[in-house]
Amino acid sequence: MRQAYELQQLQVQKLIMTQSIQQAIAILQMSAPDLWAYVQEACLENPLLEWASGEPRDFALQAPQRMTGREWSERRLSRGLGVVEDAAGLAVQSPQTLPAILREQVGYTDLPSDVRVALLYLIECLDERGYLTCSLEEVSDALRMPLGTVREALQYLHQFEPCGVGARDLRECLLLQLMQEEPVPAVLCARRMVADHLEDIPGTRSLRAMAQLGCSRTEWQAGLDVIRRLDPRPGARYAPATTVYVKPELSVVWACGRWVVLVNDENLPVIRVSDAYRGLVEAATAARGDAQEEVSAQARDYLHKKSAAAAFLMRSLEARRRTLHRVAEMIAYYQREFLERGAEYLKPLTLRVVADALMLHESTISRAVAGKYIHTPQGVFELRYFFSSALQTTTGETTAGTSVRAAIKRLIDQEDKSEPLTDQQVTEALLRTGIRVSRRTVAKYREEMRIASSSMRKRVDS
């Protein structure tokens, strides 16, 4: 066998994805907010494109709302935190952050200058939960102040809103909140539970903790209900976050004796070629007589390039709309019982089944359902929600994993809270209804739905 380097000329066939095809695939996969941003950027880059109806709407952001008179009165009674006045003198709610809220309360408090400096420093040491992340000794050394001054500043911080801010750990955070409540028997019991047996509530050691505290099951449960009302992360409510509101691109309604899928065009960008540039494009295409002299060769090339890009973008948007509509129609056809009766009647459905029915590639269906939402009589769902694996039943039929989750949630909602169902008991209850799943599958689905274990759900009222 001869081993050497040599040049060979071969003729092979390869599938090459052009830039246009890559753009079409990317547009199909985009969610509605991403699509609006992409089209808006394309309109800025291509002068031939313009919005079909005036200026574009901001899909994701919502305009701030003015507070009503009642809301303003209630806010003023609660110290008016986070409220400012606009140019017209009307109350509006300003963007709130935890340090800003606390610094505002410092301004309302009459403090010695050194305590004020220490208090402002402590505010800057809080994390997003509202907990103090450094020791008082470190603050004292950093400010070169007596430790007593820092402790006094911390006492003022513990009196600020939100209640529980400035705590060093979870126990102190809960106790600070409990100290602000009226000392009724349930609150007093809750204070003792948090102070001495926080690790035992709720859990398998709760009975031993009840015996050590000398309280009855009813008193223990009343204290536990009080603790559950507390906020373990009081500063989290002021953490900066962007809320994206879901606007479904599709809707399914019952009309003319069948389920009909509608495309919500108002939630999708609509563009067109500008009339002002259309004449130039036609003149550049004609390229004769006076038009030849009016439009230079460089301008013709530019207009042809931008015209082709605009046409392809509009075709890609229409192809995306048509593909989503076809996929949603197939989903509505396969999931008729879900639309009529609820999540427990969701049938198992795979991407391959829809792809074969529509004569499309499975990856196309996967891109089409990613991040797209549909409004149904049962609520708003992502299209991917309707695709789930099949589980075998005792009758030999199949059921969808999503319907099994719904059945598990229904069983847990209807259980006796004093004797909650274990995962094994849920498995046996599903088996009696014809659904065969393992205990590990039940535990996995329960954790995915963020449902606590049976020991954590147990109530001890009796």
Protein backbone atom coordinates (compact mmCIF):
# COMPACT_ATOMS: atom_id res chain seq x y z
CA MET A 1 0.00 0.00 0.00
CA ARG A 2 1.50 3.29 -1.14
CA GLN A 3 1.40 6.18 1.37
CA ALA A 4 1.99 9.62 -0.09
CA TYR A 5 0.43 13.04 -0.50
CA GLU A 6 -1.28 13.79 -3.80
CA LEU A 7 -3.87 16.11 -5.30
CA GLN A 8 -7.14 14.74 -6.63
CA GLN A 9 -10.05 16.45 -8.33
CA LEU A 10 -13.39 15.00 -7.28
CA GLN A 11 -16.98 15.89 -8.10
CA VAL A 12 -19.30 15.55 -5.07
CA GLN A 13 -22.71 16.87 -4.09
CA LYS A 14 -23.03 18.81 -0.84
CA LEU A 15 -25.88 20.64 0.80
CA ILE A 16 -24.68 24.16 1.52
CA MET A 17 -26.77 26.50 3.65
CA THR A 18 -26.68 29.91 2.08
CA GLN A 19 -26.98 33.06 4.14
CA SER A 20 -30.59 33.44 3.04
CA ILE A 21 -31.50 29.95 4.24
CA GLN A 22 -29.76 30.55 7.54
CA GLN A 23 -31.78 33.76 7.95
CA ALA A 24 -35.05 31.96 7.25
CA ILE A 25 -34.23 29.26 9.82
CA ALA A 26 -33.28 31.87 12.41
CA ILE A 27 -36.53 33.81 11.83
CA LEU A 28 -38.58 30.63 12.22
CA GLN A 29 -36.96 29.91 15.58
CA MET A 30 -37.34 33.43 17.00
CA SER A 31 -39.90 34.19 19.68
CA ALA A 32 -42.21 37.14 19.16
CA PRO A 33 -40.14 39.68 21.18
CA ASP A 34 -36.94 38.58 19.41
CA LEU A 35 -38.69 38.82 16.05
CA TRP A 36 -39.84 42.38 16.74
CA ALA A 37 -36.32 43.39 17.69
CA TYR A 38 -34.85 41.69 14.61
CA VAL A 39 -37.31 43.30 12.18
CA GLN A 40 -36.85 46.71 13.80
CA GLU A 41 -33.09 46.43 13.31
CA ALA A 42 -33.61 45.32 9.72
CA CYS A 43 -35.77 48.38 9.04
CA LEU A 44 -33.02 50.60 10.37
CA GLU A 45 -30.41 48.97 8.14
CA ASN A 46 -32.53 48.74 4.99
CA PRO A 47 -34.02 52.08 3.81
CA LEU A 48 -36.45 50.26 1.51
CA LEU A 49 -38.31 48.75 4.46
CA GLU A 50 -40.92 50.55 6.51
CA TRP A 51 -43.61 49.57 8.98
CA ALA A 52 -46.97 48.88 7.42
CA SER A 53 -48.83 50.84 10.11
CA GLY A 54 -46.91 53.81 11.49
CA GLU A 55 -44.20 53.44 14.09
CA PRO A 56 -43.37 50.04 15.62
CA ARG A 57 -44.78 49.12 18.99
CA ASP A 58 -42.51 48.01 21.79
CA PHE A 59 -43.55 44.39 22.20
CA ALA A 60 -41.95 43.63 25.57
CA LEU A 61 -42.19 46.79 27.64
CA GLN A 62 -45.31 48.19 29.22
CA ALA A 63 -45.85 51.88 29.88
CA PRO A 64 -45.82 52.85 33.56
CA GLN A 65 -49.27 53.35 35.02
CA ARG A 66 -50.32 56.23 37.21
CA MET A 67 -51.48 55.41 40.70
CA THR A 68 -55.13 55.97 41.55
CA GLY A 69 -56.17 58.26 44.37
CA ARG A 70 -56.91 55.31 46.66
CA GLU A 71 -53.55 53.71 45.94
CA TRP A 72 -51.81 57.01 46.61
CA SER A 73 -53.59 57.37 49.98
CA GLU A 74 -52.67 53.83 51.00
CA ARG A 75 -49.09 54.39 49.90
CA ARG A 76 -48.84 57.62 51.88
CA LEU A 77 -50.14 55.87 54.99
CA SER A 78 -47.35 53.31 54.62
CA ARG A 79 -44.69 56.06 54.69
CA GLY A 80 -44.97 56.76 50.98
CA LEU A 81 -42.02 54.57 50.12
CA GLY A 82 -41.00 54.65 46.49
CA VAL A 83 -43.45 57.43 45.56
CA VAL A 84 -42.44 60.64 43.83
CA GLU A 85 -44.38 63.39 42.10
CA ASP A 86 -44.21 64.09 38.41
CA ALA A 87 -44.25 67.52 36.76
CA ALA A 88 -48.04 67.72 37.08
CA GLY A 89 -47.92 66.99 40.81
CA LEU A 90 -49.54 63.57 40.42
CA ALA A 91 -48.23 60.59 42.35
CA VAL A 92 -46.38 58.01 40.32
CA GLN A 93 -44.43 55.01 41.45
CA SER A 94 -40.71 55.30 40.79
CA PRO A 95 -38.40 52.36 40.08
CA GLN A 96 -37.63 50.80 43.47
CA THR A 97 -34.43 49.23 44.69
CA LEU A 98 -33.77 48.03 48.20
CA PRO A 99 -30.93 50.51 48.94
CA ALA A 100 -33.02 53.40 47.64
CA ILE A 101 -36.00 52.42 49.80
CA LEU A 102 -33.83 52.13 52.90
CA ARG A 103 -31.96 55.40 52.25
CA GLU A 104 -35.33 57.11 51.92
CA GLN A 105 -36.27 55.87 55.39
CA VAL A 106 -32.94 57.08 56.76
CA GLY A 107 -33.94 60.55 55.64
CA TYR A 108 -37.12 60.31 57.73
CA THR A 109 -35.22 59.29 60.88
CA ASP A 110 -33.52 61.68 63.29
CA LEU A 111 -30.10 60.13 63.89
CA PRO A 112 -26.71 61.21 65.20
CA SER A 113 -24.24 61.82 62.39
CA ASP A 114 -21.99 58.86 63.23
CA VAL A 115 -24.95 56.46 63.47
CA ARG A 116 -26.24 57.75 60.12
CA VAL A 117 -22.88 57.10 58.47
CA ALA A 118 -22.77 53.57 59.90
CA LEU A 119 -26.38 52.92 58.86
CA LEU A 120 -25.75 54.00 55.27
CA TYR A 121 -22.69 51.76 55.16
CA LEU A 122 -24.72 48.79 56.44
CA ILE A 123 -27.31 49.39 53.71
CA GLU A 124 -24.62 49.04 51.07
CA CYS A 125 -23.55 45.72 52.62
CA LEU A 126 -26.92 44.04 52.06
CA ASP A 127 -27.30 41.34 49.42
CA GLU A 128 -30.28 40.86 47.10
CA ARG A 129 -32.15 38.96 49.85
CA GLY A 130 -31.80 41.85 52.30
CA TYR A 131 -29.31 39.97 54.50
CA LEU A 132 -26.20 41.59 56.01
CA THR A 133 -23.18 40.01 54.34
CA CYS A 134 -20.44 41.25 56.67
CA SER A 135 -19.88 41.15 60.43
CA LEU A 136 -20.27 44.16 62.69
CA GLU A 137 -16.58 43.97 63.56
CA GLU A 138 -15.66 44.35 59.89
CA VAL A 139 -17.90 47.42 59.60
CA SER A 140 -16.40 48.88 62.75
CA ASP A 141 -12.86 48.42 61.43
CA ALA A 142 -13.75 49.80 57.99
CA LEU A 143 -15.39 52.95 59.40
CA ARG A 144 -13.06 53.22 62.38
CA MET A 145 -16.05 53.58 64.66
CA PRO A 146 -16.86 52.02 68.03
CA LEU A 147 -18.63 48.67 67.80
CA GLY A 148 -21.49 50.06 69.91
CA THR A 149 -22.23 52.69 67.25
CA VAL A 150 -22.47 50.02 64.56
CA ARG A 151 -24.79 47.92 66.74
CA GLU A 152 -27.02 50.95 67.28
CA ALA A 153 -27.14 51.53 63.52
CA LEU A 154 -28.10 47.89 62.99
CA GLN A 155 -30.96 48.24 65.49
CA TYR A 156 -32.35 51.13 63.45
CA LEU A 157 -31.97 49.07 60.26
CA HIS A 158 -33.99 46.24 61.82
CA GLN A 159 -36.88 48.68 62.33
CA PHE A 160 -37.03 49.66 58.65
CA GLU A 161 -39.27 48.26 55.97
CA PRO A 162 -39.35 45.65 54.57
CA CYS A 163 -39.46 43.93 57.92
CA GLY A 164 -36.63 41.47 58.40
CA VAL A 165 -34.04 43.41 56.44
CA GLY A 166 -30.53 43.52 57.92
CA ALA A 167 -30.69 39.99 59.35
CA ARG A 168 -27.55 37.88 59.47
CA ASP A 169 -29.31 34.55 58.86
CA LEU A 170 -32.74 33.03 58.28
CA ARG A 171 -33.50 32.59 61.98
CA GLU A 172 -32.90 36.26 62.75
CA CYS A 173 -34.86 37.33 59.67
CA LEU A 174 -37.96 35.37 60.74
CA LEU A 175 -37.67 36.50 64.37
CA LEU A 176 -37.48 40.15 63.31
CA GLN A 177 -40.74 39.73 61.42
CA LEU A 178 -42.41 37.86 64.27
CA MET A 179 -41.43 40.56 66.76
CA GLN A 180 -43.43 43.07 64.71
CA GLU A 181 -46.64 41.03 64.95
CA GLU A 182 -49.20 41.15 67.74
CA PRO A 183 -48.22 38.68 70.49
CA VAL A 184 -51.19 36.33 70.16
CA PRO A 185 -50.72 32.67 71.18
CA ALA A 186 -49.97 31.52 67.61
CA VAL A 187 -47.28 34.18 67.16
CA LEU A 188 -45.73 33.39 70.56
CA CYS A 189 -45.58 29.72 69.63
CA ALA A 190 -44.05 30.61 66.26
CA ARG A 191 -41.33 32.66 67.99
CA ARG A 192 -40.36 29.69 70.15
CA MET A 193 -40.42 27.36 67.15
CA VAL A 194 -38.11 29.59 65.11
CA ALA A 195 -35.77 30.35 68.01
CA ASP A 196 -35.29 26.76 69.21
CA HIS A 197 -36.48 24.34 66.52
CA LEU A 198 -36.16 26.00 63.13
CA GLU A 199 -34.45 22.92 61.66
CA ASP A 200 -37.30 20.68 62.82
CA ILE A 201 -40.19 22.46 61.08
CA PRO A 202 -41.65 20.88 59.11
CA GLY A 203 -39.96 17.50 59.16
CA THR A 204 -39.77 14.08 60.71
CA ARG A 205 -38.54 15.56 64.02
CA SER A 206 -41.58 17.79 64.48
CA LEU A 207 -43.20 15.49 67.06
CA ARG A 208 -40.09 15.58 69.23
CA ALA A 209 -39.93 19.36 68.89
CA MET A 210 -43.59 19.64 69.95
CA ALA A 211 -42.88 17.60 73.03
CA GLN A 212 -39.90 19.75 73.97
CA LEU A 213 -41.93 22.94 73.57
CA GLY A 214 -44.88 21.47 75.43
CA CYS A 215 -47.45 22.54 72.84
CA SER A 216 -50.31 20.61 71.31
CA ARG A 217 -50.68 19.65 67.66
CA THR A 218 -53.17 22.47 67.14
CA GLU A 219 -50.82 25.05 68.65
CA TRP A 220 -47.90 23.71 66.61
CA GLN A 221 -49.91 23.91 63.37
CA ALA A 222 -51.10 27.44 64.21
CA GLY A 223 -47.51 28.52 64.75
CA LEU A 224 -46.46 26.80 61.54
CA ASP A 225 -49.16 28.69 59.62
CA VAL A 226 -47.79 31.96 61.01
CA ILE A 227 -44.25 31.07 59.93
CA ARG A 228 -45.42 30.22 56.43
CA ARG A 229 -46.76 33.76 56.05
CA LEU A 230 -43.31 35.24 56.66
CA ASP A 231 -40.91 36.29 53.92
CA PRO A 232 -37.52 34.53 54.14
CA ARG A 233 -36.07 36.94 51.55
CA PRO A 234 -37.52 40.39 52.32
CA GLY A 235 -35.22 42.20 49.91
CA ALA A 236 -35.97 39.98 46.93
CA ARG A 237 -39.13 41.88 46.07
CA TYR A 238 -37.00 44.92 45.20
CA ALA A 239 -34.48 43.00 43.12
CA PRO A 240 -34.24 44.44 39.61
CA ALA A 241 -36.04 42.21 37.15
CA THR A 242 -37.56 42.61 33.72
CA THR A 243 -41.04 41.17 33.41
CA VAL A 244 -41.80 39.92 29.92
CA TYR A 245 -45.51 39.57 29.23
CA VAL A 246 -46.52 36.66 27.03
CA LYS A 247 -48.61 37.66 24.04
CA PRO A 248 -49.70 34.51 22.21
CA GLU A 249 -49.15 34.51 18.48
CA LEU A 250 -51.92 31.98 17.92
CA SER A 251 -55.43 31.33 19.22
CA VAL A 252 -57.70 28.32 18.91
CA VAL A 253 -61.48 28.84 19.06
CA TRP A 254 -64.56 26.72 18.49
CA ALA A 255 -66.33 27.90 15.34
CA CYS A 256 -68.57 26.26 12.73
CA GLY A 257 -68.56 22.96 14.62
CA ARG A 258 -64.77 22.54 14.75
CA TRP A 259 -61.62 23.95 16.32
CA VAL A 260 -60.20 26.81 14.27
CA VAL A 261 -56.67 28.19 14.65
CA LEU A 262 -56.22 31.94 14.21
CA VAL A 263 -52.98 33.87 13.85
CA ASN A 264 -52.87 37.00 16.01
CA ASP A 265 -51.40 39.31 13.40
CA GLU A 266 -51.46 42.29 15.74
CA ASN A 267 -48.71 40.60 17.77
CA LEU A 268 -46.48 40.10 14.73
CA PRO A 269 -44.44 42.73 12.85
CA VAL A 270 -45.81 43.77 9.44
CA ILE A 271 -43.46 45.55 7.03
CA ARG A 272 -43.52 46.68 3.39
CA VAL A 273 -41.33 48.28 0.78
CA SER A 274 -41.44 52.08 0.92
CA ASP A 275 -43.34 53.72 -1.92
CA ALA A 276 -40.68 56.42 -2.15
CA TYR A 277 -37.98 53.85 -2.93
CA ARG A 278 -40.17 51.61 -5.05
CA GLY A 279 -40.00 54.09 -7.93
CA LEU A 280 -36.23 54.21 -7.71
CA VAL A 281 -36.05 50.42 -7.79
CA GLU A 282 -38.29 50.31 -10.87
CA ALA A 283 -36.19 53.01 -12.54
CA ALA A 284 -33.00 51.13 -11.72
CA THR A 285 -34.52 47.96 -13.15
CA ALA A 286 -35.58 49.69 -16.35
CA ALA A 287 -32.16 51.43 -16.70
CA ARG A 288 -32.81 53.19 -20.00
CA GLY A 289 -33.10 56.77 -21.25
CA ASP A 290 -33.19 59.45 -18.61
CA ALA A 291 -33.43 56.81 -15.87
CA GLN A 292 -30.03 55.45 -16.93
CA GLU A 293 -28.49 58.87 -16.41
CA GLU A 294 -30.45 59.53 -13.19
CA VAL A 295 -29.46 56.29 -11.44
CA SER A 296 -25.76 55.51 -11.34
CA ALA A 297 -24.36 51.99 -11.54
CA GLN A 298 -23.41 52.02 -7.86
CA ALA A 299 -26.89 53.17 -6.86
CA ARG A 300 -28.49 50.44 -9.03
CA ASP A 301 -26.42 47.76 -7.37
CA TYR A 302 -27.28 49.11 -3.93
CA LEU A 303 -31.01 49.28 -4.70
CA HIS A 304 -31.03 45.78 -6.21
CA LYS A 305 -29.25 44.37 -3.17
CA LYS A 306 -31.54 46.05 -0.65
CA SER A 307 -34.63 45.19 -2.69
CA ALA A 308 -33.68 41.50 -2.73
CA ALA A 309 -32.99 41.56 1.02
CA ALA A 310 -36.35 43.23 1.72
CA ALA A 311 -38.24 40.75 -0.46
CA PHE A 312 -36.58 37.77 1.17
CA LEU A 313 -37.26 39.10 4.68
CA MET A 314 -40.95 39.54 3.91
CA ARG A 315 -41.10 36.04 2.40
CA SER A 316 -39.39 34.64 5.49
CA LEU A 317 -41.92 36.34 7.76
CA GLU A 318 -44.80 34.96 5.71
CA ALA A 319 -43.24 31.48 5.70
CA ARG A 320 -42.87 31.65 9.48
CA ARG A 321 -46.50 32.67 9.86
CA ARG A 322 -47.69 29.89 7.53
CA THR A 323 -45.58 27.22 9.26
CA LEU A 324 -46.81 28.22 12.73
CA HIS A 325 -50.41 28.09 11.52
CA ARG A 326 -49.97 24.61 10.02
CA VAL A 327 -48.27 23.24 13.13
CA ALA A 328 -50.96 24.74 15.40
CA GLU A 329 -53.69 23.19 13.25
CA MET A 330 -52.13 19.75 13.64
CA ILE A 331 -51.82 20.25 17.39
CA ALA A 332 -55.48 21.28 17.62
CA TYR A 333 -56.43 18.19 15.60
CA TYR A 334 -54.47 15.75 17.78
CA GLN A 335 -55.35 17.40 21.10
CA ARG A 336 -59.09 17.86 20.66
CA GLU A 337 -59.89 16.18 23.98
CA PHE A 338 -57.46 18.48 25.80
CA LEU A 339 -59.15 21.56 24.34
CA GLU A 340 -62.54 20.28 25.46
CA ARG A 341 -61.79 18.60 28.81
CA GLY A 342 -58.43 19.70 30.25
CA ALA A 343 -54.83 18.68 30.87
CA GLU A 344 -55.59 15.13 32.02
CA TYR A 345 -56.79 14.30 28.50
CA LEU A 346 -53.62 15.43 26.75
CA LYS A 347 -52.51 12.74 24.32
CA PRO A 348 -48.89 11.73 23.75
CA LEU A 349 -47.50 13.52 20.72
CA THR A 350 -44.02 13.68 19.23
CA LEU A 351 -42.36 16.07 16.82
CA ARG A 352 -41.92 13.27 14.31
CA VAL A 353 -45.67 12.63 14.09
CA VAL A 354 -46.39 16.27 13.23
CA ALA A 355 -43.39 16.46 10.88
CA ASP A 356 -44.57 13.40 8.92
CA ALA A 357 -48.12 14.73 8.72
CA LEU A 358 -46.96 18.11 7.37
CA MET A 359 -44.13 16.62 5.25
CA LEU A 360 -41.55 18.77 7.01
CA HIS A 361 -38.32 17.96 8.76
CA GLU A 362 -38.45 17.22 12.48
CA SER A 363 -35.96 20.03 13.18
CA THR A 364 -38.31 22.48 11.44
CA ILE A 365 -41.12 21.55 13.82
CA SER A 366 -38.75 21.86 16.78
CA ARG A 367 -37.76 25.38 15.73
CA ALA A 368 -41.36 26.34 15.03
CA VAL A 369 -42.67 25.43 18.50
CA ALA A 370 -39.75 26.92 20.48
CA GLY A 371 -40.85 30.02 22.40
CA LYS A 372 -44.23 30.29 20.63
CA TYR A 373 -47.47 30.52 22.62
CA ILE A 374 -51.08 29.72 21.83
CA HIS A 375 -54.27 30.81 23.59
CA THR A 376 -56.69 27.94 24.19
CA PRO A 377 -59.92 27.52 26.18
CA GLN A 378 -57.74 25.86 28.86
CA GLY A 379 -55.30 28.80 29.08
CA VAL A 380 -52.15 30.08 27.39
CA PHE A 381 -49.51 27.42 26.68
CA GLU A 382 -46.24 27.16 24.84
CA LEU A 383 -46.56 25.00 21.74
CA ARG A 384 -43.93 22.65 23.11
CA TYR A 385 -46.29 21.90 26.02
CA PHE A 386 -48.41 19.73 23.73
CA PHE A 387 -45.50 17.40 22.91
CA SER A 388 -44.78 14.77 25.53
CA SER A 389 -43.59 11.20 25.73
CA ALA A 390 -45.98 8.27 25.95
CA LEU A 391 -46.49 6.14 29.07
CA GLN A 392 -48.05 2.71 28.99
CA THR A 393 -51.39 2.08 30.73
CA THR A 394 -52.75 -1.16 32.13
CA THR A 395 -55.08 -1.51 29.12
CA GLY A 396 -52.19 -1.39 26.65
CA GLU A 397 -52.95 2.17 25.54
CA THR A 398 -50.65 5.17 25.98
CA THR A 399 -51.03 8.39 27.90
CA ALA A 400 -49.01 11.60 27.85
CA GLY A 401 -46.55 12.55 30.57
CA THR A 402 -48.26 15.93 30.89
CA SER A 403 -51.60 14.29 31.70
CA VAL A 404 -49.84 12.15 34.33
CA ARG A 405 -48.49 15.34 35.94
CA ALA A 406 -52.01 16.75 36.02
CA ALA A 407 -53.32 13.55 37.63
CA ILE A 408 -50.57 13.67 40.28
CA LYS A 409 -51.37 17.30 41.08
CA ARG A 410 -55.09 16.49 41.34
CA LEU A 411 -54.43 13.63 43.79
CA ILE A 412 -52.21 15.81 45.97
CA ASP A 413 -54.69 18.70 45.95
CA GLN A 414 -57.45 16.36 47.15
CA GLU A 415 -55.39 14.52 49.78
CA ASP A 416 -55.92 14.65 53.53
CA LYS A 417 -53.34 17.19 54.69
CA SER A 418 -53.03 15.46 58.07
CA GLU A 419 -51.99 12.26 56.25
CA PRO A 420 -50.53 13.37 52.90
CA LEU A 421 -49.94 10.82 50.18
CA THR A 422 -46.45 9.45 49.78
CA ASP A 423 -44.98 8.92 46.33
CA GLN A 424 -45.68 5.19 46.63
CA GLN A 425 -49.32 5.82 47.53
CA VAL A 426 -49.65 8.20 44.56
CA THR A 427 -48.17 5.49 42.33
CA GLU A 428 -50.73 2.96 43.60
CA ALA A 429 -53.58 5.46 43.15
CA LEU A 430 -52.53 6.09 39.55
CA LEU A 431 -52.34 2.35 38.94
CA ARG A 432 -55.95 1.99 40.08
CA THR A 433 -56.94 4.51 37.41
CA GLY A 434 -55.03 2.57 34.76
CA ILE A 435 -51.80 4.59 34.67
CA ARG A 436 -48.68 2.51 35.25
CA VAL A 437 -45.69 4.61 36.39
CA SER A 438 -42.85 3.94 38.79
CA ARG A 439 -42.39 5.65 42.13
CA ARG A 440 -39.26 7.38 40.85
CA THR A 441 -41.25 8.83 37.94
CA VAL A 442 -43.86 10.17 40.36
CA ALA A 443 -41.13 11.75 42.49
CA LYS A 444 -39.53 13.31 39.40
CA TYR A 445 -42.83 14.79 38.18
CA ARG A 446 -43.65 16.05 41.69
CA GLU A 447 -40.32 17.83 41.96
CA GLU A 448 -40.73 19.34 38.48
CA MET A 449 -44.07 20.81 39.61
CA ARG A 450 -42.33 22.13 42.77
CA ILE A 451 -44.56 20.14 45.11
CA ALA A 452 -43.02 19.33 48.47
CA SER A 453 -42.64 15.80 49.80
CA SER A 454 -45.28 14.21 52.02
CA SER A 455 -43.37 15.04 55.22
CA MET A 456 -43.19 18.71 54.21
CA ARG A 457 -46.91 18.83 53.32
CA LYS A 458 -48.07 17.22 56.56
CA ARG A 459 -50.36 19.21 58.85
CA VAL A 460 -50.76 18.32 62.52
CA ASP A 461 -53.97 20.14 63.53
CA SER A 462 -55.68 17.33 65.29
